[in-house]
Amino acid sequence: MSKRSDRNTISTETARRRVRRAGVASLLALLVGVTTVGTAGSAVAARWVHDDAAGDVAALTFGSDGSTMFSTVSQDQLRGDIERVAVRHRATKVKVGIRTRAAISGPLSSTVVIRTRDHAFLLSWLRTTGVNETDLLDIGRHAAGGVVHCPGLTRSASSDRKAVRFVIPRSCLRNPSWVRVGVELAMADVAADRSLVDDGLDDAPLRDFGRPALSPKVGR
């Protein structure tokens, strides 16, 4: 097998493990509490936007024993750096937009946590060699379990590849009166055998993958 093929295989397996770990970690975080941007009290208007700090990307590596280690990277590192997160809560849909400072490219894992009054959901996007999947999982304390069958769930990218938008029918989220949203993005840096990770709602470098900060309640 060529060196390139070896790297692709490693990237695929690593990305899949990362999504599984993110799902478990996010579930635990939702049950014990997470950081909130702003206030989690009364619901804000149907549109909420957060401009994330520049230069807050961290490097994440996995040890052979499954442990994780974070390290800082240069503040001028644009790849993987989230610039803005926008949440729109409409009558029939919830829209989550993510804009980055550089083009979204290569293998990646994107995690969107959606918290409602009664449930917690994990929207995952995994892209690597031969894989480009978006799944919605019901992970709440009273979850039915597993992947949510969600006709109408879509993912689209901007022409400059610096933005991605997810559209989730409210019916797939059990028609909530409000949502709280958290976003993490991990982009593989294969040459350095690491991932570049950012929490889109936390202005500090990420230190605990799978525990994203959550927005205030976004009503309709």
Protein backbone atom coordinates (compact mmCIF):
# COMPACT_ATOMS: atom_id res chain seq x y z
CA MET A 1 0.00 0.00 0.00
CA SER A 2 1.34 3.44 -0.87
CA LYS A 3 2.12 6.08 1.72
CA ARG A 4 -0.78 8.17 0.43
CA SER A 5 -3.17 5.20 0.80
CA ASP A 6 -1.90 4.64 4.35
CA ARG A 7 -2.69 8.24 5.22
CA ASN A 8 -6.17 8.01 3.72
CA THR A 9 -6.91 4.85 5.68
CA ILE A 10 -5.68 6.41 8.91
CA SER A 11 -7.73 9.54 8.24
CA THR A 12 -10.90 7.51 7.69
CA GLU A 13 -10.52 5.46 10.86
CA THR A 14 -9.51 8.47 12.94
CA ALA A 15 -12.45 10.54 11.71
CA ARG A 16 -14.93 7.79 12.48
CA ARG A 17 -13.53 7.37 16.00
CA ARG A 18 -13.67 11.11 16.48
CA VAL A 19 -17.38 11.28 15.66
CA ARG A 20 -18.16 8.40 18.01
CA ARG A 21 -16.19 10.02 20.82
CA ALA A 22 -17.80 13.38 20.16
CA GLY A 23 -21.25 11.81 20.42
CA VAL A 24 -20.54 10.15 23.76
CA ALA A 25 -18.81 13.21 25.17
CA SER A 26 -21.59 15.52 24.02
CA LEU A 27 -24.21 13.31 25.65
CA LEU A 28 -22.34 13.39 28.96
CA ALA A 29 -21.91 17.14 28.68
CA LEU A 30 -25.60 17.69 28.11
CA LEU A 31 -26.47 15.66 31.18
CA VAL A 32 -24.06 17.46 33.52
CA GLY A 33 -24.27 20.98 32.09
CA VAL A 34 -22.23 23.02 29.63
CA THR A 35 -21.02 26.57 29.08
CA THR A 36 -23.65 29.01 27.85
CA VAL A 37 -23.00 32.02 25.65
CA GLY A 38 -25.20 34.80 26.98
CA THR A 39 -28.16 33.79 29.11
CA ALA A 40 -30.13 30.56 28.97
CA GLY A 41 -33.21 32.21 30.50
CA SER A 42 -35.94 33.69 28.31
CA ALA A 43 -35.79 32.76 24.64
CA VAL A 44 -34.26 35.33 22.30
CA ALA A 45 -35.73 36.25 18.92
CA ALA A 46 -35.97 33.74 16.08
CA ARG A 47 -32.48 34.62 14.81
CA TRP A 48 -29.29 34.55 16.88
CA VAL A 49 -25.74 35.20 15.68
CA HIS A 50 -22.38 34.77 17.37
CA ASP A 51 -19.13 36.17 15.95
CA ASP A 52 -16.40 33.85 17.17
CA ALA A 53 -12.94 35.12 18.09
CA ALA A 54 -10.13 34.77 15.57
CA GLY A 55 -7.07 32.72 16.36
CA ASP A 56 -8.73 30.33 18.83
CA VAL A 57 -8.01 27.09 16.95
CA ALA A 58 -6.43 24.26 18.95
CA ALA A 59 -4.59 21.15 17.80
CA LEU A 60 -6.02 17.81 18.93
CA THR A 61 -4.12 14.52 18.85
CA PHE A 62 -5.23 11.07 19.98
CA GLY A 63 -2.89 8.76 21.86
CA SER A 64 -2.68 5.03 21.20
CA ASP A 65 -4.55 4.47 24.48
CA GLY A 66 -7.45 6.65 23.36
CA SER A 67 -6.37 9.69 25.37
CA THR A 68 -6.61 13.19 23.90
CA MET A 69 -4.09 16.00 24.03
CA PHE A 70 -4.56 19.63 23.10
CA SER A 71 -1.88 22.07 22.07
CA THR A 72 -1.90 25.64 20.84
CA VAL A 73 -1.28 26.61 17.25
CA SER A 74 -0.26 29.88 15.65
CA GLN A 75 -2.95 32.55 16.02
CA ASP A 76 -2.75 33.21 12.28
CA GLN A 77 -3.95 29.65 11.60
CA LEU A 78 -7.10 30.22 9.52
CA ARG A 79 -7.93 26.64 8.56
CA GLY A 80 -10.59 25.28 10.87
CA ASP A 81 -11.17 28.68 12.49
CA ILE A 82 -14.90 29.40 12.84
CA GLU A 83 -15.81 33.02 12.16
CA ARG A 84 -19.57 33.06 12.75
CA VAL A 85 -22.41 30.81 13.87
CA ALA A 86 -26.00 31.76 13.01
CA VAL A 87 -29.16 30.06 14.27
CA ARG A 88 -32.58 30.68 12.76
CA HIS A 89 -35.69 29.15 14.28
CA ARG A 90 -38.57 29.30 11.82
CA ALA A 91 -42.11 27.93 11.85
CA THR A 92 -41.15 24.66 10.20
CA LYS A 93 -37.32 24.56 10.24
CA VAL A 94 -34.23 25.23 12.32
CA LYS A 95 -31.27 26.52 10.33
CA VAL A 96 -27.69 26.46 11.59
CA GLY A 97 -25.02 28.27 9.58
CA ILE A 98 -21.28 28.01 10.15
CA ARG A 99 -18.78 30.34 8.45
CA THR A 100 -15.02 29.81 8.65
CA ARG A 101 -12.08 32.06 7.89
CA ALA A 102 -10.61 29.69 5.31
CA ALA A 103 -12.12 27.22 2.87
CA ILE A 104 -13.57 24.06 4.41
CA SER A 105 -11.50 21.31 2.85
CA GLY A 106 -10.21 17.81 3.39
CA PRO A 107 -11.36 15.24 5.97
CA LEU A 108 -13.45 16.74 8.74
CA SER A 109 -15.93 16.15 11.50
CA SER A 110 -18.57 18.74 12.35
CA THR A 111 -20.74 18.40 15.44
CA VAL A 112 -23.89 20.45 16.08
CA VAL A 113 -25.56 19.87 19.44
CA ILE A 114 -29.22 20.90 19.61
CA ARG A 115 -30.84 21.09 23.03
CA THR A 116 -34.62 21.51 23.43
CA ARG A 117 -36.84 21.57 26.50
CA ASP A 118 -37.17 17.78 26.59
CA HIS A 119 -34.51 16.38 24.27
CA ALA A 120 -30.94 16.64 23.07
CA PHE A 121 -29.85 15.94 19.50
CA LEU A 122 -26.48 15.51 17.85
CA LEU A 123 -26.17 16.51 14.20
CA SER A 124 -22.92 15.08 12.83
CA TRP A 125 -21.24 15.64 9.49
CA LEU A 126 -18.39 13.28 8.68
CA ARG A 127 -16.37 13.74 5.50
CA THR A 128 -13.33 11.66 4.68
CA THR A 129 -12.16 9.25 1.98
CA GLY A 130 -15.25 7.59 0.51
CA VAL A 131 -17.54 9.04 3.19
CA ASN A 132 -19.66 12.19 3.23
CA GLU A 133 -22.51 11.67 5.68
CA THR A 134 -24.85 13.81 7.76
CA ASP A 135 -26.81 12.13 10.57
CA LEU A 136 -29.19 13.36 13.25
CA LEU A 137 -29.07 11.42 16.51
CA ASP A 138 -31.48 11.64 19.44
CA ILE A 139 -29.14 11.51 22.45
CA GLY A 140 -31.25 13.05 25.20
CA ARG A 141 -31.96 11.63 28.61
CA HIS A 142 -35.34 10.38 27.38
CA ALA A 143 -34.12 9.57 23.87
CA ALA A 144 -35.72 6.95 21.69
CA GLY A 145 -32.16 6.10 20.69
CA GLY A 146 -30.30 5.92 17.41
CA VAL A 147 -30.48 7.86 14.18
CA VAL A 148 -33.52 10.04 13.61
CA HIS A 149 -35.23 9.43 10.26
CA CYS A 150 -35.49 13.01 9.06
CA PRO A 151 -36.80 13.67 5.55
CA GLY A 152 -35.93 17.23 4.63
CA LEU A 153 -32.64 17.36 6.54
CA THR A 154 -30.19 19.14 4.24
CA ARG A 155 -26.62 20.39 4.18
CA SER A 156 -25.36 22.96 1.70
CA ALA A 157 -22.10 24.82 1.17
CA SER A 158 -21.35 28.30 -0.14
CA SER A 159 -19.56 28.79 -3.45
CA ASP A 160 -16.38 29.95 -1.69
CA ARG A 161 -16.47 26.82 0.54
CA LYS A 162 -16.18 28.98 3.65
CA ALA A 163 -19.70 28.35 4.88
CA VAL A 164 -22.00 25.41 5.44
CA ARG A 165 -25.69 25.49 6.37
CA PHE A 166 -27.78 22.76 7.93
CA VAL A 167 -31.57 22.82 7.68
CA ILE A 168 -33.44 20.60 10.14
CA PRO A 169 -37.24 20.24 9.99
CA ARG A 170 -38.71 21.11 13.39
CA SER A 171 -40.74 17.90 13.26
CA CYS A 172 -37.47 15.93 13.50
CA LEU A 173 -36.73 17.82 16.73
CA ARG A 174 -40.24 17.14 18.11
CA ASN A 175 -41.42 20.69 17.30
CA PRO A 176 -39.64 22.54 20.11
CA SER A 177 -40.66 25.98 21.35
CA TRP A 178 -36.96 26.88 21.60
CA VAL A 179 -33.55 25.45 20.80
CA ARG A 180 -30.04 25.91 22.15
CA VAL A 181 -27.22 25.14 19.76
CA GLY A 182 -23.52 24.35 20.11
CA VAL A 183 -21.02 23.86 17.27
CA GLU A 184 -17.62 22.18 16.98
CA LEU A 185 -15.51 21.73 13.87
CA ALA A 186 -12.52 19.40 13.52
CA MET A 187 -10.51 19.44 10.30
CA ALA A 188 -7.80 16.84 9.74
CA ASP A 189 -4.22 18.02 9.37
CA VAL A 190 -2.99 14.70 7.98
CA ALA A 191 0.60 15.78 7.41
CA ALA A 192 0.98 16.64 11.10
CA ASP A 193 -1.15 13.69 12.31
CA ARG A 194 -3.52 15.98 14.19
CA SER A 195 -6.86 17.75 13.89
CA LEU A 196 -7.48 21.49 13.99
CA VAL A 197 -10.51 22.06 16.22
CA ASP A 198 -12.65 25.02 17.17
CA ASP A 199 -15.72 25.63 19.31
CA GLY A 200 -17.80 28.13 17.37
CA LEU A 201 -19.32 29.72 20.47
CA ASP A 202 -16.27 29.83 22.74
CA ASP A 203 -13.64 32.51 22.19
CA ALA A 204 -10.94 30.51 23.99
CA PRO A 205 -8.99 27.63 22.40
CA LEU A 206 -10.81 24.33 22.80
CA ARG A 207 -9.68 22.18 25.70
CA ASP A 208 -12.40 19.53 25.98
CA PHE A 209 -13.58 18.08 22.66
CA GLY A 210 -17.26 17.10 22.71
CA ARG A 211 -18.39 19.73 25.24
CA PRO A 212 -19.42 22.70 23.09
CA ALA A 213 -20.68 25.95 24.53
CA LEU A 214 -24.42 26.40 23.93
CA SER A 215 -26.31 29.42 22.66
CA PRO A 216 -29.13 31.04 24.60
CA LYS A 217 -32.62 29.70 23.91
CA VAL A 218 -33.64 30.69 20.40
CA GLY A 219 -37.43 30.85 20.12
CA ARG A 220 -39.72 31.16 17.13
